[in-house]
Amino acid sequence: MARDWNTKDESSGFMGYVLRFKVLREFLSSYEIRTVGSAEHREYWIPAEDLDELNGNIVGSIEIISEFPGEV
């Protein structure tokens, strides 16, 4: 998504990022893990309306793992 979608999208600034951060287990326990694309792509599906609560449950720093600049 970061490489193949965001880099083609003006609203993302034609940039894609992969981030790493920790979230409290108690918060995540109520969300389903889904496989997207292939078996190696598993993620929690958290509705957009829960974003503020997710942000409040982040522990520590947010790290940028990869950056993908698009062609403008």
C-alpha atoms as a PDB file:
ATOM      1  CA  MET A   1       0.000   0.000   0.000  1.00  0.00           C
ATOM      2  CA  ALA A   2       2.717   2.473   0.966  1.00  0.00           C
ATOM      3  CA  ARG A   3       4.715   1.770  -2.182  1.00  0.00           C
ATOM      4  CA  ASP A   4       2.014   0.950  -4.717  1.00  0.00           C
ATOM      5  CA  TRP A   5      -0.943   3.170  -3.715  1.00  0.00           C
ATOM      6  CA  ASN A   6       0.218   6.171  -1.715  1.00  0.00           C
ATOM      7  CA  THR A   7       2.934   7.118  -4.192  1.00  0.00           C
ATOM      8  CA  LYS A   8       0.282   7.604  -6.884  1.00  0.00           C
ATOM      9  CA  ASP A   9      -2.126   9.580  -4.678  1.00  0.00           C
ATOM     10  CA  GLU A  10      -1.997  13.385  -4.579  1.00  0.00           C
ATOM     11  CA  SER A  11      -3.715  13.521  -1.165  1.00  0.00           C
ATOM     12  CA  SER A  12      -0.797  11.545   0.339  1.00  0.00           C
ATOM     13  CA  GLY A  13       1.720  13.954  -1.174  1.00  0.00           C
ATOM     14  CA  PHE A  14       2.795  11.120  -3.493  1.00  0.00           C
ATOM     15  CA  MET A  15       4.688   9.599  -0.534  1.00  0.00           C
ATOM     16  CA  GLY A  16       4.291   6.269   1.201  1.00  0.00           C
ATOM     17  CA  TYR A  17       5.619   5.314   4.621  1.00  0.00           C
ATOM     18  CA  VAL A  18       5.918   2.078   6.582  1.00  0.00           C
ATOM     19  CA  LEU A  19       5.812   2.733  10.324  1.00  0.00           C
ATOM     20  CA  ARG A  20       6.486   0.630  13.415  1.00  0.00           C
ATOM     21  CA  PHE A  21       4.944   1.304  16.809  1.00  0.00           C
ATOM     22  CA  LYS A  22       3.669  -0.545  19.857  1.00  0.00           C
ATOM     23  CA  VAL A  23       0.034  -0.557  20.942  1.00  0.00           C
ATOM     24  CA  LEU A  24      -1.371  -1.779  24.250  1.00  0.00           C
ATOM     25  CA  ARG A  25      -2.505  -5.416  23.945  1.00  0.00           C
ATOM     26  CA  GLU A  26      -5.753  -4.677  25.816  1.00  0.00           C
ATOM     27  CA  PHE A  27      -6.774  -2.215  23.091  1.00  0.00           C
ATOM     28  CA  LEU A  28      -5.931  -4.562  20.214  1.00  0.00           C
ATOM     29  CA  SER A  29      -7.688  -7.572  21.747  1.00  0.00           C
ATOM     30  CA  SER A  30     -11.095  -6.429  20.513  1.00  0.00           C
ATOM     31  CA  TYR A  31     -10.035  -6.136  16.860  1.00  0.00           C
ATOM     32  CA  GLU A  32      -9.850  -8.817  14.188  1.00  0.00           C
ATOM     33  CA  ILE A  33      -6.603  -9.688  12.404  1.00  0.00           C
ATOM     34  CA  ARG A  34      -7.094 -10.089   8.644  1.00  0.00           C
ATOM     35  CA  THR A  35      -4.858 -11.323   5.874  1.00  0.00           C
ATOM     36  CA  VAL A  36      -4.600  -8.848   3.004  1.00  0.00           C
ATOM     37  CA  GLY A  37      -2.953  -9.689  -0.287  1.00  0.00           C
ATOM     38  CA  SER A  38      -0.874 -12.678   0.788  1.00  0.00           C
ATOM     39  CA  ALA A  39      -0.296 -14.692   3.960  1.00  0.00           C
ATOM     40  CA  GLU A  40       2.633 -12.469   4.935  1.00  0.00           C
ATOM     41  CA  HIS A  41       0.411  -9.388   5.040  1.00  0.00           C
ATOM     42  CA  ARG A  42      -1.602  -9.598   8.237  1.00  0.00           C
ATOM     43  CA  GLU A  43      -3.012  -6.553   9.985  1.00  0.00           C
ATOM     44  CA  TYR A  44      -5.488  -5.447  12.585  1.00  0.00           C
ATOM     45  CA  TRP A  45      -8.625  -3.963  11.069  1.00  0.00           C
ATOM     46  CA  ILE A  46      -9.369  -0.881  13.135  1.00  0.00           C
ATOM     47  CA  PRO A  47     -12.216   1.360  11.929  1.00  0.00           C
ATOM     48  CA  ALA A  48     -11.362   4.988  11.153  1.00  0.00           C
ATOM     49  CA  GLU A  49     -13.736   6.161  13.884  1.00  0.00           C
ATOM     50  CA  ASP A  50     -11.474   4.415  16.440  1.00  0.00           C
ATOM     51  CA  LEU A  51      -8.329   6.257  15.295  1.00  0.00           C
ATOM     52  CA  ASP A  52      -8.256   8.667  18.257  1.00  0.00           C
ATOM     53  CA  GLU A  53      -8.503   5.742  20.680  1.00  0.00           C
ATOM     54  CA  LEU A  54      -5.760   3.877  18.786  1.00  0.00           C
ATOM     55  CA  ASN A  55      -3.498   6.926  19.006  1.00  0.00           C
ATOM     56  CA  GLY A  56      -4.120   7.112  22.752  1.00  0.00           C
ATOM     57  CA  ASN A  57      -2.958   3.505  23.124  1.00  0.00           C
ATOM     58  CA  ILE A  58       0.376   3.870  21.335  1.00  0.00           C
ATOM     59  CA  VAL A  59       3.306   3.173  23.660  1.00  0.00           C
ATOM     60  CA  GLY A  60       6.690   4.767  22.993  1.00  0.00           C
ATOM     61  CA  SER A  61       7.950   6.185  19.723  1.00  0.00           C
ATOM     62  CA  ILE A  62       6.725   5.788  16.165  1.00  0.00           C
ATOM     63  CA  GLU A  63       9.556   4.727  13.844  1.00  0.00           C
ATOM     64  CA  ILE A  64       9.748   5.194  10.083  1.00  0.00           C
ATOM     65  CA  ILE A  65      10.884   1.834   8.650  1.00  0.00           C
ATOM     66  CA  SER A  66      10.644   2.639   4.918  1.00  0.00           C
ATOM     67  CA  GLU A  67       9.885   5.669   2.728  1.00  0.00           C
ATOM     68  CA  PHE A  68       8.593   5.489  -0.834  1.00  0.00           C
ATOM     69  CA  PRO A  69       8.665   8.728  -2.823  1.00  0.00           C
ATOM     70  CA  GLY A  70       6.443   8.808  -5.876  1.00  0.00           C
ATOM     71  CA  GLU A  71       7.066  10.539  -9.152  1.00  0.00           C
ATOM     72  CA  VAL A  72       5.240  13.853  -9.409  1.00  0.00           C
END
